Amino acid sequence: MTNPEGRYTKVKVTPIQGGSGSLADGTGTFTSYFVFSAGQFPGGDHPKVGDFYNISGVHADVRYEFPGWKCGQSGGTSDFAAN
């Protein structure tokens, strides 16, 4: 099943290798360019560029998984791409 584009709620981001960048109950957007933008990360706990994360979120009442996505931009809102 292909993950749909658009807005996601209840976004969860978990670092695969440990470390910073955890998010629970965030929001996100998945684009046609296969980039998932997630936020709002708390200050001091931003993902690390180059590290891999498991992401999940709810779109149209269905939870979708984005396993093993790589952080490409880090901040309060961070971008991840499929590896």
N, C-alpha and C. Protein backbone atom coordinates (compact mmCIF):
# COMPACT_ATOMS: atom_id res chain seq x y z
N MET A 1 0.85 -1.18 0.00
CA MET A 1 0.00 0.00 0.00
C MET A 1 0.90 1.24 0.00
N THR A 2 0.58 2.19 -0.84
CA THR A 2 1.32 3.44 -0.92
C THR A 2 0.76 4.42 0.10
N ASN A 3 1.65 5.09 0.81
CA ASN A 3 1.20 6.10 1.77
C ASN A 3 0.68 7.32 1.03
N PRO A 4 -0.49 7.82 1.42
CA PRO A 4 -1.09 8.95 0.71
C PRO A 4 -0.41 10.28 1.03
N GLU A 5 -0.41 11.18 0.05
CA GLU A 5 0.08 12.53 0.24
C GLU A 5 -0.90 13.29 1.12
N GLY A 6 -0.38 14.34 1.76
CA GLY A 6 -1.26 15.22 2.52
C GLY A 6 -0.87 15.35 3.98
N ARG A 7 -1.83 15.85 4.75
CA ARG A 7 -1.62 16.17 6.15
C ARG A 7 -1.80 14.94 7.04
N TYR A 8 -0.93 14.83 8.05
CA TYR A 8 -0.97 13.74 9.02
C TYR A 8 -1.06 14.32 10.43
N THR A 9 -1.75 13.61 11.30
CA THR A 9 -1.83 13.96 12.71
C THR A 9 -1.29 12.79 13.53
N LYS A 10 -1.19 13.00 14.82
CA LYS A 10 -0.70 11.96 15.74
C LYS A 10 0.62 11.36 15.25
N VAL A 11 1.49 12.25 14.75
CA VAL A 11 2.77 11.82 14.19
C VAL A 11 3.72 11.43 15.32
N LYS A 12 4.36 10.28 15.13
CA LYS A 12 5.35 9.79 16.07
C LYS A 12 6.66 9.59 15.31
N VAL A 13 7.75 10.12 15.86
CA VAL A 13 9.08 9.98 15.27
C VAL A 13 9.98 9.35 16.33
N THR A 14 10.64 8.25 15.97
CA THR A 14 11.51 7.53 16.90
C THR A 14 12.86 7.31 16.26
N PRO A 15 13.95 7.75 16.91
CA PRO A 15 15.28 7.49 16.36
C PRO A 15 15.60 6.01 16.39
N ILE A 16 16.07 5.47 15.28
CA ILE A 16 16.37 4.04 15.19
C ILE A 16 17.61 3.70 16.01
N GLN A 17 18.60 4.57 15.98
CA GLN A 17 19.88 4.30 16.62
C GLN A 17 19.99 4.94 17.99
N GLY A 18 18.86 5.36 18.57
CA GLY A 18 18.92 6.11 19.82
C GLY A 18 19.29 7.55 19.53
N GLY A 19 19.43 8.35 20.55
CA GLY A 19 19.81 9.73 20.35
C GLY A 19 18.62 10.67 20.33
N SER A 20 18.83 11.83 19.75
CA SER A 20 17.82 12.88 19.79
C SER A 20 16.81 12.74 18.66
N GLY A 21 15.73 13.50 18.79
CA GLY A 21 14.75 13.59 17.72
C GLY A 21 13.48 12.80 17.92
N SER A 22 13.06 12.61 19.16
CA SER A 22 11.79 11.91 19.41
C SER A 22 10.64 12.90 19.36
N LEU A 23 9.53 12.44 18.82
CA LEU A 23 8.32 13.25 18.74
C LEU A 23 7.13 12.35 18.98
N ALA A 24 6.19 12.83 19.79
CA ALA A 24 4.93 12.11 20.01
C ALA A 24 3.78 13.10 19.80
N ASP A 25 2.74 12.66 19.13
CA ASP A 25 1.54 13.46 18.90
C ASP A 25 1.83 14.76 18.15
N GLY A 26 2.70 14.68 17.13
CA GLY A 26 3.00 15.84 16.30
C GLY A 26 2.10 15.88 15.08
N THR A 27 2.46 16.77 14.17
CA THR A 27 1.76 16.87 12.89
C THR A 27 2.78 16.72 11.78
N GLY A 28 2.28 16.44 10.58
CA GLY A 28 3.20 16.26 9.46
C GLY A 28 2.51 16.39 8.12
N THR A 29 3.36 16.45 7.09
CA THR A 29 2.88 16.50 5.71
C THR A 29 3.76 15.60 4.87
N PHE A 30 3.13 14.78 4.04
CA PHE A 30 3.85 13.91 3.11
C PHE A 30 3.61 14.43 1.70
N THR A 31 4.72 14.69 0.96
CA THR A 31 4.61 15.30 -0.36
C THR A 31 4.84 14.29 -1.49
N SER A 32 4.51 14.72 -2.69
CA SER A 32 4.72 13.89 -3.87
C SER A 32 6.20 13.70 -4.17
N TYR A 33 7.06 14.47 -3.50
CA TYR A 33 8.52 14.33 -3.67
C TYR A 33 9.10 13.34 -2.67
N PHE A 34 8.22 12.60 -1.99
CA PHE A 34 8.60 11.58 -1.02
C PHE A 34 9.41 12.18 0.13
N VAL A 35 8.96 13.34 0.59
CA VAL A 35 9.52 13.98 1.78
C VAL A 35 8.41 14.06 2.82
N PHE A 36 8.76 13.66 4.05
CA PHE A 36 7.82 13.78 5.16
C PHE A 36 8.36 14.86 6.09
N SER A 37 7.58 15.93 6.27
CA SER A 37 7.94 17.01 7.19
C SER A 37 7.14 16.82 8.47
N ALA A 38 7.84 16.78 9.61
CA ALA A 38 7.19 16.54 10.89
C ALA A 38 7.55 17.63 11.89
N GLY A 39 6.64 17.94 12.79
CA GLY A 39 6.90 18.93 13.82
C GLY A 39 5.80 18.89 14.88
N GLN A 40 5.86 19.59 15.81
CA GLN A 40 6.87 20.48 16.31
C GLN A 40 7.76 19.74 17.31
N PHE A 41 9.03 19.64 16.97
CA PHE A 41 9.99 19.03 17.87
C PHE A 41 10.31 20.02 18.99
N PRO A 42 10.39 19.52 20.24
CA PRO A 42 10.74 20.42 21.33
C PRO A 42 12.17 20.92 21.19
N GLY A 43 12.42 22.14 21.64
CA GLY A 43 13.77 22.70 21.62
C GLY A 43 14.74 21.79 22.34
N GLY A 44 15.89 21.59 21.76
CA GLY A 44 16.90 20.74 22.37
C GLY A 44 16.74 19.26 22.06
N ASP A 45 15.68 18.88 21.35
CA ASP A 45 15.49 17.47 20.99
C ASP A 45 15.14 17.36 19.51
N HIS A 46 15.94 17.99 18.68
CA HIS A 46 15.73 17.92 17.23
C HIS A 46 16.42 16.69 16.67
N PRO A 47 15.90 16.14 15.57
CA PRO A 47 16.57 15.02 14.90
C PRO A 47 17.95 15.45 14.40
N LYS A 48 18.79 14.47 14.16
CA LYS A 48 20.14 14.74 13.66
C LYS A 48 20.18 14.44 12.17
N VAL A 49 20.64 15.41 11.38
CA VAL A 49 20.77 15.23 9.93
C VAL A 49 21.66 14.02 9.66
N GLY A 50 21.18 13.13 8.80
CA GLY A 50 21.92 11.92 8.44
C GLY A 50 21.52 10.70 9.22
N ASP A 51 20.83 10.88 10.37
CA ASP A 51 20.37 9.73 11.15
C ASP A 51 19.03 9.22 10.61
N PHE A 52 18.70 7.98 10.98
CA PHE A 52 17.49 7.33 10.48
C PHE A 52 16.44 7.23 11.58
N TYR A 53 15.17 7.37 11.14
CA TYR A 53 14.05 7.43 12.07
C TYR A 53 12.88 6.60 11.55
N ASN A 54 12.13 6.02 12.49
CA ASN A 54 10.85 5.40 12.15
C ASN A 54 9.78 6.44 12.42
N ILE A 55 8.90 6.64 11.44
CA ILE A 55 7.85 7.65 11.53
C ILE A 55 6.51 6.97 11.29
N SER A 56 5.51 7.42 12.02
CA SER A 56 4.14 6.97 11.74
C SER A 56 3.21 8.15 11.96
N GLY A 57 2.07 8.10 11.30
CA GLY A 57 1.10 9.18 11.44
C GLY A 57 -0.26 8.74 10.92
N VAL A 58 -1.28 9.49 11.29
CA VAL A 58 -2.66 9.18 10.92
C VAL A 58 -3.11 10.12 9.81
N HIS A 59 -3.64 9.52 8.74
CA HIS A 59 -4.21 10.26 7.61
C HIS A 59 -5.55 9.61 7.29
N ALA A 60 -6.63 10.40 7.30
CA ALA A 60 -7.98 9.89 7.03
C ALA A 60 -8.31 8.69 7.91
N ASP A 61 -8.00 8.83 9.20
CA ASP A 61 -8.31 7.83 10.23
C ASP A 61 -7.57 6.50 10.08
N VAL A 62 -6.49 6.47 9.28
CA VAL A 62 -5.67 5.27 9.12
C VAL A 62 -4.24 5.62 9.49
N ARG A 63 -3.59 4.76 10.31
CA ARG A 63 -2.18 4.98 10.68
C ARG A 63 -1.28 4.38 9.61
N TYR A 64 -0.34 5.19 9.13
CA TYR A 64 0.63 4.77 8.11
C TYR A 64 2.02 4.81 8.71
N GLU A 65 2.88 3.90 8.23
CA GLU A 65 4.25 3.78 8.70
C GLU A 65 5.23 4.26 7.63
N PHE A 66 6.30 4.90 8.08
CA PHE A 66 7.40 5.35 7.22
C PHE A 66 8.69 4.85 7.90
N PRO A 67 9.02 3.58 7.76
CA PRO A 67 10.17 3.03 8.49
C PRO A 67 11.51 3.36 7.85
N GLY A 68 12.47 3.70 8.68
CA GLY A 68 13.85 3.90 8.23
C GLY A 68 14.07 5.11 7.35
N TRP A 69 13.42 6.23 7.66
CA TRP A 69 13.59 7.44 6.86
C TRP A 69 14.73 8.28 7.41
N LYS A 70 15.46 8.93 6.50
CA LYS A 70 16.67 9.67 6.84
C LYS A 70 16.36 11.16 7.01
N CYS A 71 16.87 11.75 8.08
CA CYS A 71 16.69 13.18 8.33
C CYS A 71 17.57 13.99 7.38
N GLY A 72 16.95 14.91 6.65
CA GLY A 72 17.68 15.75 5.72
C GLY A 72 17.74 17.21 6.14
N GLN A 73 16.85 17.62 7.05
CA GLN A 73 16.83 18.98 7.56
C GLN A 73 16.27 18.91 8.97
N SER A 74 16.96 19.56 9.91
CA SER A 74 16.61 19.47 11.31
C SER A 74 16.22 20.82 11.88
N GLY A 75 15.18 20.80 12.71
CA GLY A 75 14.71 22.01 13.38
C GLY A 75 13.41 21.72 14.08
N GLY A 76 12.68 22.76 14.44
CA GLY A 76 11.37 22.58 15.05
C GLY A 76 10.46 21.76 14.15
N THR A 77 10.55 22.02 12.85
CA THR A 77 9.95 21.16 11.83
C THR A 77 11.12 20.56 11.05
N SER A 78 11.12 19.24 10.93
CA SER A 78 12.25 18.54 10.30
C SER A 78 11.75 17.74 9.10
N ASP A 79 12.63 17.58 8.12
CA ASP A 79 12.30 16.84 6.90
C ASP A 79 13.03 15.50 6.86
N PHE A 80 12.30 14.49 6.38
CA PHE A 80 12.82 13.14 6.26
C PHE A 80 12.54 12.62 4.86
N ALA A 81 13.43 11.79 4.35
CA ALA A 81 13.25 11.21 3.02
C ALA A 81 13.44 9.71 3.09
N ALA A 82 12.76 9.01 2.19
CA ALA A 82 12.91 7.55 2.10
C ALA A 82 14.34 7.23 1.74
N ASN A 83 14.85 6.20 2.33
CA ASN A 83 16.24 5.82 2.07
C ASN A 83 16.32 4.97 0.83
